[in-house]
Amino acid sequence: MSAVHLQQIRKTFAGTEVLKGVDIGVADHEFLVFVGPSGCGKSTLLRTIAGLERVDSGRVQIGDEDVTDLEPSQRGVAMVFQSYALYPHMSVHENIAFGLRMLKLPNDEIERRVRRAADILQIGQLLERRPRALSGGQRQRVAIGRAIVREPKVFLFDEPLSNLDAALRVQMRLELIKLHKQLNATMIYVTHDQTEAMTMADRIVVLNHGKVEQIGSPLELYRQPCNRFVAGFIGSPKMNFIDVPVLSVDARSLSVELPGGASLALPFDARAITAGGTLTLGIRPEHLMEEGGAEAEGALIGEVMVIEHLGGETLLHLRLPDDRTVQLKGSGESKAAEGQRIAAGFNVRHVHLFADDGRALQSTRPVAETAAA
């Protein structure tokens, strides 16, 4: 078994608590990704699993074993770092085999494991090269191969693709997804790039200031963020946020005033909301329609300030009547021009509402409709 359980993990550096009672369960063979802004504690949390950081309190369990007080070498984990950390004077073969030689495994067993890792990563033709003769992607494969040969219970990745260029990052993401399926291993991956998280993870853990904000599948976090922080962190470009006055409230809906004065009825649980207050309306750029459309239930009227032509899509920056700005992701065939006035339509099912404390209000739409959104 290679499931991982973190129970009330706390860690303090120089009087600053960087992990504040973290509880996470990682299923056997799951690909779990930690995401969050710089300084949120994601790398520290990964290092506590590896045993490179000692927890102040809490419990780390791998499989059926409590490993909280075990040394890194006794935990059955292998870690791939942001820096490749290859020995420059050794060949690829020697780099991959080095850890196994330290364990004093038989030579034939070392050779079997190295060849297997090389076949999986398709670097068999590189085994006699030195790291200086390799590209960045090839060096990263060698670093991953060094982890594979240890045949660990759990693979840990600490931002392993951040040193690669954009095109190579996409390629390596696909390679890691295939590797996970091929090895059927438990993998825990740290990144600040939410696109990596969305494309690779079975589940995502969103961290902020040392605390877990939300855990769920990529689509769950995208469609049903539990608060404004998660809503703004997941998705690219990020969600548009607009403060809107509450005009009226009843048991299963409320009415808000959009910039420009139009009112909009929204199907949300408003039992804790009072008329006259303010909520934050969230709408993603891809859910705004440049042409409005007959199916649109609401619209944001704005002037086109900046146009970003990205080939297959166009990103429009609109200035609303109250001088706030929103982004609209439209077709690559967009005919919009700077200074043009646009009614950016949207459907109510794509709207999110957040209270003053950042928590998301619950929709009162039927479950089938919400899931379809």
Foldseek 3Di string as FASTA:
>chain_A
DFKKWWFQFWDDDPRAILAGGETDIFDFLFEEEEAEDPSLCPVVVLCQQLQVDQTPDTWMDTDNDTCNPPHNVPNQEAECEQDLPFDQVAFLLCRLLVVVVVVVDDPVLSVVLLVVLCVLLVCPVRRGPGPVPDDLLVSLSSSVSSRRSSVGQEYEYENNCPVDDPVSSVVVLVSVQVVSVVSSHHYYYYDNDLVSVLVRGQKYFYGGSNYTQDIDHLVCLQQPPFFQVSQQSRDPPGKDKDKWAWAADDQQWTWTAAQVGDIAIAGFGCPVPDHGHIKIKIAHQAQWAQQQDPQFRAWFKFFFADWDQPPQWIWTWTQGPVRDIDIHIGGSPDPDDGGDITTTGGHSLRMWIADPVGGTTGGPPPPVSNVVD
